[in-house]
Amino acid sequence: MGIRLLIYLIILGIGAVLGYKDKIGTKLSNKLNLLQSISLFFLLFIMGIRIGLDEKVIKSFFSIGLRAVIIAIFTIIITILTTKIITRFFIFREGENKVEP
């Protein structure tokens, strides 16, 4: 489990560096939204297959589903609040002076 997490973080870091250094071509850059959506749909499809194959999950679907809905609602609320706070304090609006470090 630990090695997988490390691989995920390395891949994420490589992508961040390539994006920051502007090493992605404009042709690929224009297709990133489509590529991201296709990847997400594929991931959700595979997760659905895994859930469907697990009999324990299917038998306890309603109790798990209720907990998942509660967790999802709180996650959404916390994400929206965090985004508003970060936007208010760290991201400058158009026309405001930026403070150079």
N, C-alpha and C. Protein backbone atom coordinates (compact mmCIF):
# COMPACT_ATOMS: atom_id res chain seq x y z
N MET A 1 0.82 -1.20 0.00
CA MET A 1 0.00 0.00 0.00
C MET A 1 0.86 1.26 0.00
N GLY A 2 1.94 1.25 0.75
CA GLY A 2 2.80 2.41 0.86
C GLY A 2 3.51 2.73 -0.44
N ILE A 3 3.91 1.69 -1.19
CA ILE A 3 4.63 1.92 -2.44
C ILE A 3 3.69 2.51 -3.49
N ARG A 4 2.42 2.08 -3.48
CA ARG A 4 1.44 2.64 -4.43
C ARG A 4 1.24 4.13 -4.18
N LEU A 5 1.10 4.50 -2.92
CA LEU A 5 0.92 5.91 -2.59
C LEU A 5 2.13 6.72 -3.05
N LEU A 6 3.31 6.18 -2.86
CA LEU A 6 4.52 6.86 -3.30
C LEU A 6 4.53 7.03 -4.82
N ILE A 7 4.12 6.00 -5.54
CA ILE A 7 4.05 6.09 -7.01
C ILE A 7 3.04 7.15 -7.43
N TYR A 8 1.88 7.19 -6.77
CA TYR A 8 0.86 8.20 -7.09
C TYR A 8 1.41 9.61 -6.87
N LEU A 9 2.10 9.80 -5.76
CA LEU A 9 2.65 11.12 -5.45
C LEU A 9 3.75 11.52 -6.43
N ILE A 10 4.56 10.55 -6.85
CA ILE A 10 5.61 10.84 -7.83
C ILE A 10 4.99 11.25 -9.17
N ILE A 11 3.97 10.51 -9.61
CA ILE A 11 3.29 10.85 -10.87
C ILE A 11 2.65 12.22 -10.77
N LEU A 12 2.00 12.50 -9.64
CA LEU A 12 1.40 13.82 -9.44
C LEU A 12 2.46 14.91 -9.47
N GLY A 13 3.58 14.67 -8.83
CA GLY A 13 4.67 15.65 -8.81
C GLY A 13 5.24 15.90 -10.19
N ILE A 14 5.43 14.84 -10.98
CA ILE A 14 5.94 15.00 -12.34
C ILE A 14 4.98 15.85 -13.17
N GLY A 15 3.68 15.56 -13.04
CA GLY A 15 2.68 16.36 -13.77
C GLY A 15 2.70 17.81 -13.35
N ALA A 16 2.84 18.05 -12.05
CA ALA A 16 2.88 19.43 -11.56
C ALA A 16 4.10 20.17 -12.08
N VAL A 17 5.24 19.52 -12.09
CA VAL A 17 6.47 20.16 -12.59
C VAL A 17 6.35 20.44 -14.08
N LEU A 18 5.83 19.48 -14.85
CA LEU A 18 5.67 19.69 -16.29
C LEU A 18 4.70 20.84 -16.57
N GLY A 19 3.63 20.91 -15.80
CA GLY A 19 2.68 22.01 -15.98
C GLY A 19 3.28 23.34 -15.59
N TYR A 20 4.01 23.37 -14.49
CA TYR A 20 4.61 24.61 -14.01
C TYR A 20 5.68 25.12 -14.96
N LYS A 21 6.47 24.21 -15.49
CA LYS A 21 7.56 24.59 -16.40
C LYS A 21 7.06 24.82 -17.82
N ASP A 22 5.76 24.64 -18.04
CA ASP A 22 5.13 24.83 -19.35
C ASP A 22 5.75 23.93 -20.40
N LYS A 23 5.94 22.67 -20.06
CA LYS A 23 6.54 21.69 -20.97
C LYS A 23 5.50 20.89 -21.74
N ILE A 24 4.22 21.18 -21.52
CA ILE A 24 3.15 20.49 -22.23
C ILE A 24 2.84 21.29 -23.49
N GLY A 25 2.78 20.62 -24.62
CA GLY A 25 2.49 21.29 -25.88
C GLY A 25 1.08 21.87 -25.91
N THR A 26 0.87 22.84 -26.76
CA THR A 26 -0.44 23.49 -26.83
C THR A 26 -1.52 22.52 -27.32
N LYS A 27 -1.15 21.60 -28.20
CA LYS A 27 -2.12 20.63 -28.71
C LYS A 27 -2.64 19.75 -27.57
N LEU A 28 -1.73 19.24 -26.74
CA LEU A 28 -2.13 18.42 -25.59
C LEU A 28 -2.82 19.28 -24.53
N SER A 29 -2.33 20.47 -24.34
CA SER A 29 -2.91 21.38 -23.35
C SER A 29 -4.37 21.67 -23.66
N ASN A 30 -4.71 21.81 -24.93
CA ASN A 30 -6.10 22.07 -25.32
C ASN A 30 -7.00 20.85 -25.11
N LYS A 31 -6.41 19.66 -25.06
CA LYS A 31 -7.18 18.43 -24.91
C LYS A 31 -7.23 17.92 -23.47
N LEU A 32 -6.62 18.64 -22.52
CA LEU A 32 -6.53 18.13 -21.15
C LEU A 32 -7.90 17.94 -20.49
N ASN A 33 -8.85 18.83 -20.72
CA ASN A 33 -10.18 18.66 -20.12
C ASN A 33 -10.84 17.39 -20.61
N LEU A 34 -10.76 17.13 -21.90
CA LEU A 34 -11.34 15.91 -22.46
C LEU A 34 -10.65 14.68 -21.91
N LEU A 35 -9.33 14.72 -21.87
CA LEU A 35 -8.55 13.60 -21.35
C LEU A 35 -8.88 13.34 -19.88
N GLN A 36 -9.01 14.38 -19.11
CA GLN A 36 -9.35 14.24 -17.69
C GLN A 36 -10.75 13.65 -17.53
N SER A 37 -11.70 14.10 -18.32
CA SER A 37 -13.06 13.57 -18.22
C SER A 37 -13.12 12.10 -18.60
N ILE A 38 -12.45 11.74 -19.67
CA ILE A 38 -12.43 10.33 -20.09
C ILE A 38 -11.80 9.46 -19.01
N SER A 39 -10.70 9.92 -18.44
CA SER A 39 -10.03 9.16 -17.37
C SER A 39 -10.94 9.00 -16.16
N LEU A 40 -11.64 10.07 -15.79
CA LEU A 40 -12.55 10.01 -14.64
C LEU A 40 -13.69 9.03 -14.90
N PHE A 41 -14.28 9.08 -16.09
CA PHE A 41 -15.37 8.15 -16.43
C PHE A 41 -14.88 6.71 -16.39
N PHE A 42 -13.69 6.47 -16.91
CA PHE A 42 -13.12 5.12 -16.88
C PHE A 42 -12.90 4.65 -15.45
N LEU A 43 -12.37 5.52 -14.60
CA LEU A 43 -12.15 5.19 -13.20
C LEU A 43 -13.46 4.86 -12.50
N LEU A 44 -14.50 5.67 -12.73
CA LEU A 44 -15.80 5.40 -12.12
C LEU A 44 -16.39 4.09 -12.61
N PHE A 45 -16.20 3.78 -13.89
CA PHE A 45 -16.68 2.52 -14.45
C PHE A 45 -16.01 1.33 -13.77
N ILE A 46 -14.70 1.39 -13.61
CA ILE A 46 -13.95 0.31 -12.95
C ILE A 46 -14.37 0.19 -11.49
N MET A 47 -14.58 1.32 -10.81
CA MET A 47 -15.04 1.27 -9.42
C MET A 47 -16.42 0.62 -9.33
N GLY A 48 -17.30 0.92 -10.29
CA GLY A 48 -18.62 0.30 -10.32
C GLY A 48 -18.54 -1.20 -10.50
N ILE A 49 -17.64 -1.65 -11.34
CA ILE A 49 -17.44 -3.10 -11.52
C ILE A 49 -16.98 -3.74 -10.23
N ARG A 50 -16.01 -3.10 -9.56
CA ARG A 50 -15.51 -3.65 -8.29
C ARG A 50 -16.59 -3.72 -7.23
N ILE A 51 -17.43 -2.69 -7.16
CA ILE A 51 -18.52 -2.67 -6.19
C ILE A 51 -19.53 -3.76 -6.53
N GLY A 52 -19.86 -3.92 -7.80
CA GLY A 52 -20.82 -4.92 -8.22
C GLY A 52 -20.35 -6.34 -7.96
N LEU A 53 -19.06 -6.58 -7.97
CA LEU A 53 -18.53 -7.91 -7.73
C LEU A 53 -18.48 -8.28 -6.25
N ASP A 54 -18.57 -7.32 -5.37
CA ASP A 54 -18.46 -7.57 -3.93
C ASP A 54 -19.85 -7.79 -3.33
N GLU A 55 -20.16 -9.03 -2.96
CA GLU A 55 -21.49 -9.36 -2.45
C GLU A 55 -21.80 -8.68 -1.12
N LYS A 56 -20.79 -8.51 -0.27
CA LYS A 56 -21.02 -7.84 1.02
C LYS A 56 -21.48 -6.40 0.80
N VAL A 57 -20.90 -5.73 -0.17
CA VAL A 57 -21.29 -4.35 -0.45
C VAL A 57 -22.72 -4.30 -0.97
N ILE A 58 -23.07 -5.23 -1.85
CA ILE A 58 -24.42 -5.25 -2.41
C ILE A 58 -25.44 -5.53 -1.32
N LYS A 59 -25.15 -6.46 -0.40
CA LYS A 59 -26.10 -6.81 0.67
C LYS A 59 -26.29 -5.66 1.65
N SER A 60 -25.25 -4.90 1.90
CA SER A 60 -25.35 -3.79 2.87
C SER A 60 -25.37 -2.44 2.17
N PHE A 61 -25.90 -2.41 0.96
CA PHE A 61 -25.86 -1.21 0.13
C PHE A 61 -26.58 -0.03 0.76
N PHE A 62 -27.76 -0.26 1.37
CA PHE A 62 -28.52 0.87 1.91
C PHE A 62 -27.86 1.47 3.15
N SER A 63 -27.31 0.66 4.03
CA SER A 63 -26.64 1.24 5.20
C SER A 63 -25.35 1.94 4.79
N ILE A 64 -24.62 1.35 3.86
CA ILE A 64 -23.41 1.99 3.36
C ILE A 64 -23.78 3.25 2.58
N GLY A 65 -24.84 3.17 1.80
CA GLY A 65 -25.27 4.30 0.97
C GLY A 65 -25.62 5.52 1.81
N LEU A 66 -26.32 5.31 2.93
CA LEU A 66 -26.68 6.43 3.79
C LEU A 66 -25.44 7.10 4.37
N ARG A 67 -24.51 6.30 4.83
CA ARG A 67 -23.26 6.86 5.36
C ARG A 67 -22.48 7.59 4.27
N ALA A 68 -22.47 7.03 3.08
CA ALA A 68 -21.74 7.66 1.97
C ALA A 68 -22.36 9.01 1.61
N VAL A 69 -23.69 9.08 1.64
CA VAL A 69 -24.36 10.35 1.32
C VAL A 69 -24.01 11.40 2.37
N ILE A 70 -24.02 11.02 3.64
CA ILE A 70 -23.67 11.96 4.71
C ILE A 70 -22.23 12.44 4.56
N ILE A 71 -21.31 11.52 4.31
CA ILE A 71 -19.91 11.89 4.12
C ILE A 71 -19.75 12.79 2.90
N ALA A 72 -20.44 12.46 1.82
CA ALA A 72 -20.34 13.27 0.59
C ALA A 72 -20.86 14.69 0.82
N ILE A 73 -21.97 14.83 1.51
CA ILE A 73 -22.54 16.15 1.77
C ILE A 73 -21.57 17.00 2.59
N PHE A 74 -21.03 16.42 3.66
CA PHE A 74 -20.08 17.17 4.48
C PHE A 74 -18.81 17.51 3.71
N THR A 75 -18.35 16.58 2.87
CA THR A 75 -17.16 16.84 2.06
C THR A 75 -17.40 18.00 1.10
N ILE A 76 -18.55 18.02 0.47
CA ILE A 76 -18.88 19.11 -0.45
C ILE A 76 -18.94 20.44 0.29
N ILE A 77 -19.60 20.46 1.43
CA ILE A 77 -19.73 21.70 2.20
C ILE A 77 -18.36 22.21 2.64
N ILE A 78 -17.52 21.33 3.17
CA ILE A 78 -16.19 21.73 3.62
C ILE A 78 -15.34 22.20 2.45
N THR A 79 -15.45 21.54 1.30
CA THR A 79 -14.68 21.95 0.12
C THR A 79 -15.10 23.34 -0.35
N ILE A 80 -16.39 23.60 -0.39
CA ILE A 80 -16.88 24.92 -0.82
C ILE A 80 -16.41 25.99 0.15
N LEU A 81 -16.52 25.75 1.44
CA LEU A 81 -16.09 26.74 2.43
C LEU A 81 -14.59 26.99 2.35
N THR A 82 -13.81 25.93 2.20
CA THR A 82 -12.36 26.08 2.10
C THR A 82 -11.98 26.86 0.85
N THR A 83 -12.64 26.58 -0.26
CA THR A 83 -12.36 27.30 -1.50
C THR A 83 -12.69 28.78 -1.35
N LYS A 84 -13.80 29.10 -0.71
CA LYS A 84 -14.17 30.50 -0.50
C LYS A 84 -13.14 31.21 0.38
N ILE A 85 -12.68 30.55 1.43
CA ILE A 85 -11.69 31.15 2.32
C ILE A 85 -10.37 31.38 1.59
N ILE A 86 -9.90 30.38 0.86
CA ILE A 86 -8.64 30.52 0.13
C ILE A 86 -8.76 31.60 -0.93
N THR A 87 -9.88 31.64 -1.62
CA THR A 87 -10.08 32.66 -2.65
C THR A 87 -10.08 34.05 -2.04
N ARG A 88 -10.72 34.20 -0.92
CA ARG A 88 -10.83 35.52 -0.29
C ARG A 88 -9.47 36.02 0.20
N PHE A 89 -8.65 35.15 0.77
CA PHE A 89 -7.42 35.61 1.40
C PHE A 89 -6.16 35.48 0.54
N PHE A 90 -6.15 34.59 -0.45
CA PHE A 90 -4.92 34.34 -1.16
C PHE A 90 -4.94 34.66 -2.65
N ILE A 91 -6.08 34.70 -3.25
CA ILE A 91 -6.15 34.95 -4.68
C ILE A 91 -6.63 36.38 -4.89
N PHE A 92 -5.85 37.14 -5.63
CA PHE A 92 -6.18 38.53 -5.87
C PHE A 92 -7.17 38.64 -7.01
N ARG A 93 -8.06 39.57 -6.87
CA ARG A 93 -9.03 39.80 -7.93
C ARG A 93 -8.41 40.70 -8.99
N GLU A 94 -9.00 40.69 -10.16
CA GLU A 94 -8.50 41.49 -11.27
C GLU A 94 -8.48 42.96 -10.89
N GLY A 95 -7.37 43.61 -11.14
CA GLY A 95 -7.24 45.03 -10.86
C GLY A 95 -6.59 45.32 -9.51
N GLU A 96 -6.48 44.34 -8.63
CA GLU A 96 -5.83 44.56 -7.34
C GLU A 96 -4.33 44.44 -7.51
N ASN A 97 -3.61 45.14 -6.66
CA ASN A 97 -2.15 45.07 -6.68
C ASN A 97 -1.70 43.78 -6.05
N LYS A 98 -0.76 43.12 -6.69
CA LYS A 98 -0.20 41.90 -6.14
C LYS A 98 1.05 42.25 -5.35
N VAL A 99 1.21 41.62 -4.22
CA VAL A 99 2.39 41.86 -3.39
C VAL A 99 3.46 40.87 -3.83
N GLU A 100 4.60 41.39 -4.23
CA GLU A 100 5.70 40.55 -4.66
C GLU A 100 6.46 40.06 -3.43
N PRO A 101 6.85 38.78 -3.42
CA PRO A 101 7.61 38.24 -2.25
C PRO A 101 9.02 38.76 -2.19
